[in-house]
Amino acid sequence: MPAARKTTTEAGAAPAERARAFDLGVFVRAAEEVVRLEEATVLSTPSLPTVPHLNTVFLHGALDGAGLEALVEAHHAGLPNRRVVVDDEAVSERLAAELLPRGWAVHRLVLLARGGAEPPPEARALAEEVPYGHVRGLREEWLRTPPWGLSGGALAEGLAGDDRLFAGTPTRAFATFEHGRPLAYALLLGGGGDDGGDDDGMLEDVYTTPEARGRGLSTSVIAAVLHAARAERHEAVFVPTAAEGGAGALYERLGFAPVAVQHHFSRQVD
């Protein structure tokens, strides 16, 4: 793999590179098989074939559409989905022109970063740290709703994929409760050594059950994550969100700023 694409967070690396490295490291540690090529890092998890993020090609080179499809088929033939993550804007635009007519879809994901002071203590007053098992039901509720809409075996595999992710990377859960029932939660993922980001953290899975929205609960669990990240001396906290229709406005109000964009190409196979 070219030196510019190392997954280790190096001192002095740009925020965009650190964010991408951290993101890749989370999935590398969770996948069952990792193949590192000059042009790509290929993740495969045969035991969970319907979980796209554990069966993904992270493209680092400049393949054309035909070359990329050949690479994907060489490693992921037989899977129900194809998924490719591309960081380079120019490469993404060229691939979109080639792949969209062939039945691929593409959506943009923004990686935001935040450093500096944490929110005031009152912002996190409603949140508390809990074992991940206490909020797994909320995660299941989330996966059942669009755009995922998972059920049956796909839902079971999705939850199993989460278990692999959060077992492979140090993960802390923060939630708000009412009458003993969790209403909102967020996760703090820590760095995991050589595959990414001991000095940084990642905010993940910010979710509030629909009937409790509009009460500031998401802000409270995010503030709790930022407080914990500060206590762990993380230099930066990253968060991924959809570029269109995501929670970017909320994150920016809380001090996050965009540092990188990823293009996610996907295709379902009949």
Protein backbone atom coordinates (compact mmCIF):
# COMPACT_ATOMS: atom_id res chain seq x y z
CA MET A 1 0.00 0.00 0.00
CA PRO A 2 1.37 3.44 -0.80
CA ALA A 3 2.82 5.31 2.13
CA ALA A 4 0.21 8.07 1.80
CA ARG A 5 -2.50 5.51 2.60
CA LYS A 6 -1.16 3.99 5.81
CA THR A 7 -3.92 3.31 8.28
CA THR A 8 -1.78 4.34 11.23
CA THR A 9 -2.46 7.85 12.45
CA GLU A 10 0.88 9.59 12.11
CA ALA A 11 1.95 12.64 14.08
CA GLY A 12 1.21 15.77 12.09
CA ALA A 13 -1.11 14.06 9.62
CA ALA A 14 -3.86 16.23 8.17
CA PRO A 15 -7.30 15.92 9.80
CA ALA A 16 -8.78 14.43 6.63
CA GLU A 17 -6.16 11.69 6.50
CA ARG A 18 -6.54 10.96 10.21
CA ALA A 19 -10.32 10.76 9.90
CA ARG A 20 -10.11 8.37 6.95
CA ALA A 21 -7.49 6.25 8.69
CA PHE A 22 -9.58 6.00 11.84
CA ASP A 23 -12.69 5.07 9.87
CA LEU A 24 -10.86 2.38 7.90
CA GLY A 25 -9.23 0.99 11.04
CA VAL A 26 -12.61 0.36 12.69
CA PHE A 27 -13.73 -1.85 9.80
CA VAL A 28 -10.35 -3.54 9.31
CA ARG A 29 -10.39 -4.74 12.92
CA ALA A 30 -13.92 -6.10 12.57
CA ALA A 31 -13.58 -7.92 9.24
CA GLU A 32 -12.73 -11.61 9.14
CA GLU A 33 -10.41 -11.25 6.14
CA VAL A 34 -8.30 -8.26 5.08
CA VAL A 35 -6.42 -8.15 1.78
CA ARG A 36 -4.11 -5.16 1.29
CA LEU A 37 -3.39 -4.38 -2.35
CA GLU A 38 -1.55 -1.52 -4.00
CA GLU A 39 -4.83 -0.03 -5.20
CA ALA A 40 -7.25 -1.10 -2.47
CA THR A 41 -7.92 -2.59 0.93
CA VAL A 42 -10.45 -5.40 0.60
CA LEU A 43 -12.54 -6.45 3.61
CA SER A 44 -14.51 -9.69 3.63
CA THR A 45 -16.60 -11.34 6.34
CA PRO A 46 -17.97 -14.62 4.93
CA SER A 47 -19.98 -15.39 8.08
CA LEU A 48 -21.98 -12.15 7.62
CA PRO A 49 -22.49 -11.86 3.85
CA THR A 50 -25.37 -9.35 4.03
CA VAL A 51 -23.46 -6.79 6.14
CA PRO A 52 -22.08 -4.36 3.52
CA HIS A 53 -19.59 -2.45 5.69
CA LEU A 54 -17.77 -5.68 6.56
CA ASN A 55 -17.63 -6.70 2.90
CA THR A 56 -16.20 -3.57 1.30
CA VAL A 57 -13.47 -2.47 -1.08
CA PHE A 58 -11.71 0.72 0.07
CA LEU A 59 -10.21 2.06 -3.14
CA HIS A 60 -6.88 3.90 -2.91
CA GLY A 61 -5.79 3.86 -6.55
CA ALA A 62 -7.29 5.17 -9.78
CA LEU A 63 -8.93 2.17 -11.39
CA ASP A 64 -11.48 2.64 -14.14
CA GLY A 65 -14.98 1.24 -13.81
CA ALA A 66 -14.22 -2.06 -15.53
CA GLY A 67 -11.08 -2.58 -13.47
CA LEU A 68 -12.91 -1.81 -10.25
CA GLU A 69 -15.75 -4.20 -11.07
CA ALA A 70 -13.22 -6.93 -11.86
CA LEU A 71 -11.49 -6.35 -8.54
CA VAL A 72 -14.77 -6.47 -6.63
CA GLU A 73 -15.91 -9.65 -8.37
CA ALA A 74 -12.57 -11.31 -7.71
CA HIS A 75 -13.09 -10.92 -3.96
CA HIS A 76 -16.85 -10.62 -3.40
CA ALA A 77 -18.42 -12.91 -6.00
CA GLY A 78 -21.44 -14.61 -4.47
CA LEU A 79 -22.30 -11.81 -2.05
CA PRO A 80 -25.73 -10.14 -2.33
CA ASN A 81 -24.22 -6.63 -2.34
CA ARG A 82 -21.20 -4.86 -3.76
CA ARG A 83 -19.77 -1.88 -1.88
CA VAL A 84 -16.81 0.39 -2.68
CA VAL A 85 -15.58 3.42 -0.70
CA VAL A 86 -13.64 6.09 -2.61
CA ASP A 87 -11.95 9.12 -1.01
CA ASP A 88 -10.65 10.91 -4.09
CA GLU A 89 -13.16 13.39 -5.57
CA ALA A 90 -11.88 13.22 -9.14
CA VAL A 91 -11.76 9.42 -9.13
CA SER A 92 -15.27 9.32 -7.67
CA GLU A 93 -16.68 11.57 -10.38
CA ARG A 94 -15.13 9.48 -13.13
CA LEU A 95 -16.31 6.22 -11.58
CA ALA A 96 -19.83 7.60 -11.14
CA ALA A 97 -20.02 8.38 -14.86
CA GLU A 98 -19.01 4.79 -15.64
CA LEU A 99 -20.80 2.84 -12.91
CA LEU A 100 -24.18 4.53 -12.52
CA PRO A 101 -25.34 3.39 -15.99
CA ARG A 102 -24.35 -0.17 -14.95
CA GLY A 103 -26.76 -0.25 -12.01
CA TRP A 104 -24.55 1.13 -9.25
CA ALA A 105 -25.73 3.81 -6.83
CA VAL A 106 -23.56 6.37 -5.07
CA HIS A 107 -24.02 8.50 -1.99
CA ARG A 108 -21.66 10.86 -0.18
CA LEU A 109 -20.60 10.54 3.43
CA VAL A 110 -18.98 13.48 5.24
CA LEU A 111 -16.39 13.00 7.97
CA LEU A 112 -16.44 15.84 10.50
CA ALA A 113 -13.91 16.56 13.24
CA ARG A 114 -13.96 18.39 16.54
CA GLY A 115 -11.22 19.36 18.94
CA GLY A 116 -10.92 21.94 21.67
CA ALA A 117 -13.11 22.47 24.72
CA GLU A 118 -16.02 20.17 25.51
CA PRO A 119 -19.61 21.45 25.88
CA PRO A 120 -20.65 22.78 29.31
CA PRO A 121 -21.56 20.18 31.99
CA GLU A 122 -25.27 21.00 31.84
CA ALA A 123 -25.34 19.87 28.21
CA ARG A 124 -24.63 16.28 29.26
CA ALA A 125 -26.70 16.32 32.46
CA LEU A 126 -29.31 13.88 31.15
CA ALA A 127 -26.84 11.26 29.90
CA GLU A 128 -25.04 8.44 31.66
CA GLU A 129 -22.54 5.81 30.63
CA VAL A 130 -23.96 2.28 30.30
CA PRO A 131 -22.87 -1.10 28.91
CA TYR A 132 -23.58 -1.40 25.19
CA GLY A 133 -26.14 -4.12 25.89
CA HIS A 134 -28.39 -1.51 27.52
CA VAL A 135 -28.82 0.33 24.20
CA ARG A 136 -28.73 -2.61 21.77
CA GLY A 137 -32.53 -2.52 21.63
CA LEU A 138 -32.41 1.06 20.36
CA ARG A 139 -29.90 0.02 17.72
CA GLU A 140 -32.27 -2.78 16.64
CA GLU A 141 -35.13 -0.27 16.47
CA TRP A 142 -32.97 1.97 14.26
CA LEU A 143 -32.02 -0.86 11.90
CA ARG A 144 -35.68 -1.77 11.44
CA THR A 145 -36.50 1.70 10.08
CA PRO A 146 -35.70 3.19 6.63
CA PRO A 147 -33.31 3.49 4.94
CA TRP A 148 -32.18 0.13 6.33
CA GLY A 149 -35.54 -1.51 6.96
CA LEU A 150 -33.92 -4.73 8.12
CA SER A 151 -35.85 -7.73 9.39
CA GLY A 152 -35.38 -11.45 9.87
CA GLY A 153 -31.97 -12.85 9.01
CA ALA A 154 -30.67 -9.55 7.64
CA LEU A 155 -31.48 -7.84 10.95
CA ALA A 156 -29.77 -10.60 12.91
CA GLU A 157 -26.67 -10.29 10.71
CA GLY A 158 -26.71 -6.51 11.05
CA LEU A 159 -26.70 -6.76 14.85
CA ALA A 160 -23.98 -9.42 14.71
CA GLY A 161 -21.95 -7.05 12.52
CA ASP A 162 -22.33 -4.36 15.17
CA ASP A 163 -21.08 -6.80 17.80
CA ARG A 164 -17.96 -7.45 15.70
CA LEU A 165 -17.34 -3.72 15.24
CA PHE A 166 -17.67 -2.87 18.91
CA ALA A 167 -15.66 -5.89 20.06
CA GLY A 168 -12.78 -5.02 17.72
CA THR A 169 -12.54 -1.36 18.76
CA PRO A 170 -12.76 0.03 22.32
CA THR A 171 -16.35 1.28 22.60
CA ARG A 172 -18.24 3.18 25.31
CA ALA A 173 -22.00 3.80 25.28
CA PHE A 174 -23.87 6.82 26.67
CA ALA A 175 -27.65 7.04 26.98
CA THR A 176 -30.57 8.94 28.43
CA PHE A 177 -33.37 7.09 30.22
CA GLU A 178 -36.96 7.70 31.24
CA HIS A 179 -38.64 5.32 33.70
CA GLY A 180 -35.80 2.87 33.07
CA ARG A 181 -36.24 2.89 29.30
CA PRO A 182 -33.42 4.18 27.05
CA LEU A 183 -34.57 6.99 24.78
CA ALA A 184 -31.33 8.13 23.12
CA TYR A 185 -27.76 6.90 22.85
CA ALA A 186 -24.39 7.56 21.28
CA LEU A 187 -21.11 5.66 21.20
CA LEU A 188 -17.47 6.69 21.61
CA LEU A 189 -15.02 4.55 19.68
CA GLY A 190 -11.38 4.73 20.71
CA GLY A 191 -8.28 4.06 18.67
CA GLY A 192 -7.10 0.53 18.19
CA GLY A 193 -3.35 0.54 17.73
CA ASP A 194 -1.60 0.05 14.39
CA ASP A 195 -4.83 0.18 12.38
CA GLY A 196 -5.82 3.61 13.39
CA GLY A 197 -5.89 6.46 15.75
CA ASP A 198 -4.78 5.94 19.35
CA ASP A 199 -4.79 9.74 19.73
CA ASP A 200 -8.31 10.20 18.35
CA GLY A 201 -11.89 9.04 18.91
CA MET A 202 -15.05 8.64 16.86
CA LEU A 203 -18.64 9.52 17.68
CA GLU A 204 -20.97 6.85 16.33
CA ASP A 205 -24.61 5.73 16.34
CA VAL A 206 -26.35 8.89 17.55
CA TYR A 207 -30.02 7.89 17.76
CA THR A 208 -33.16 9.04 19.57
CA THR A 209 -36.38 7.05 19.52
CA PRO A 210 -38.97 9.01 17.46
CA GLU A 211 -41.40 9.89 20.27
CA ALA A 212 -38.58 11.49 22.32
CA ARG A 213 -37.16 13.73 19.62
CA GLY A 214 -37.08 17.50 19.97
CA ARG A 215 -36.09 17.35 23.65
CA GLY A 216 -32.34 17.83 23.25
CA LEU A 217 -31.50 14.21 24.08
CA SER A 218 -29.17 13.74 21.11
CA THR A 219 -27.27 16.84 22.19
CA SER A 220 -26.97 15.41 25.71
CA VAL A 221 -25.51 12.06 24.65
CA ILE A 222 -23.14 13.75 22.19
CA ALA A 223 -21.96 16.08 24.96
CA ALA A 224 -21.35 13.05 27.18
CA VAL A 225 -19.25 11.45 24.44
CA LEU A 226 -17.20 14.63 24.03
CA HIS A 227 -16.64 14.83 27.79
CA ALA A 228 -15.40 11.23 27.84
CA ALA A 229 -13.17 11.87 24.82
CA ARG A 230 -11.67 14.86 26.57
CA ALA A 231 -11.03 12.76 29.69
CA GLU A 232 -9.29 10.15 27.52
CA ARG A 233 -7.15 12.95 26.02
CA HIS A 234 -8.26 12.35 22.46
CA GLU A 235 -6.83 15.07 20.25
CA ALA A 236 -9.81 15.00 17.90
CA VAL A 237 -13.21 13.34 17.68
CA PHE A 238 -14.52 12.39 14.25
CA VAL A 239 -18.08 11.63 13.21
CA PRO A 240 -19.38 10.28 9.88
CA THR A 241 -22.76 11.40 8.56
CA ALA A 242 -24.64 11.45 5.28
CA ALA A 243 -23.88 14.51 3.18
CA GLU A 244 -27.54 14.90 2.24
CA GLY A 245 -30.24 14.59 4.86
CA GLY A 246 -27.89 13.60 7.66
CA ALA A 247 -27.23 15.11 11.06
CA GLY A 248 -24.50 17.43 9.84
CA ALA A 249 -26.28 20.60 10.99
CA LEU A 250 -26.56 19.24 14.56
CA TYR A 251 -22.89 18.27 14.63
CA GLU A 252 -21.77 21.64 13.27
CA ARG A 253 -23.80 23.43 15.96
CA LEU A 254 -21.82 21.41 18.50
CA GLY A 255 -18.46 22.45 17.08
CA PHE A 256 -17.73 19.81 14.43
CA ALA A 257 -16.44 20.86 11.01
CA PRO A 258 -16.21 18.85 7.76
CA VAL A 259 -12.73 17.55 6.98
CA ALA A 260 -13.24 14.81 4.36
CA VAL A 261 -15.77 13.34 1.97
CA GLN A 262 -16.21 9.71 1.00
CA HIS A 263 -18.18 8.39 -1.96
CA HIS A 264 -19.90 5.07 -1.28
CA PHE A 265 -20.72 3.04 -4.39
CA SER A 266 -23.12 0.15 -3.98
CA ARG A 267 -24.98 -2.36 -6.11
CA GLN A 268 -27.38 -5.13 -5.21
CA VAL A 269 -26.96 -8.41 -7.04
CA ASP A 270 -30.00 -10.41 -8.12
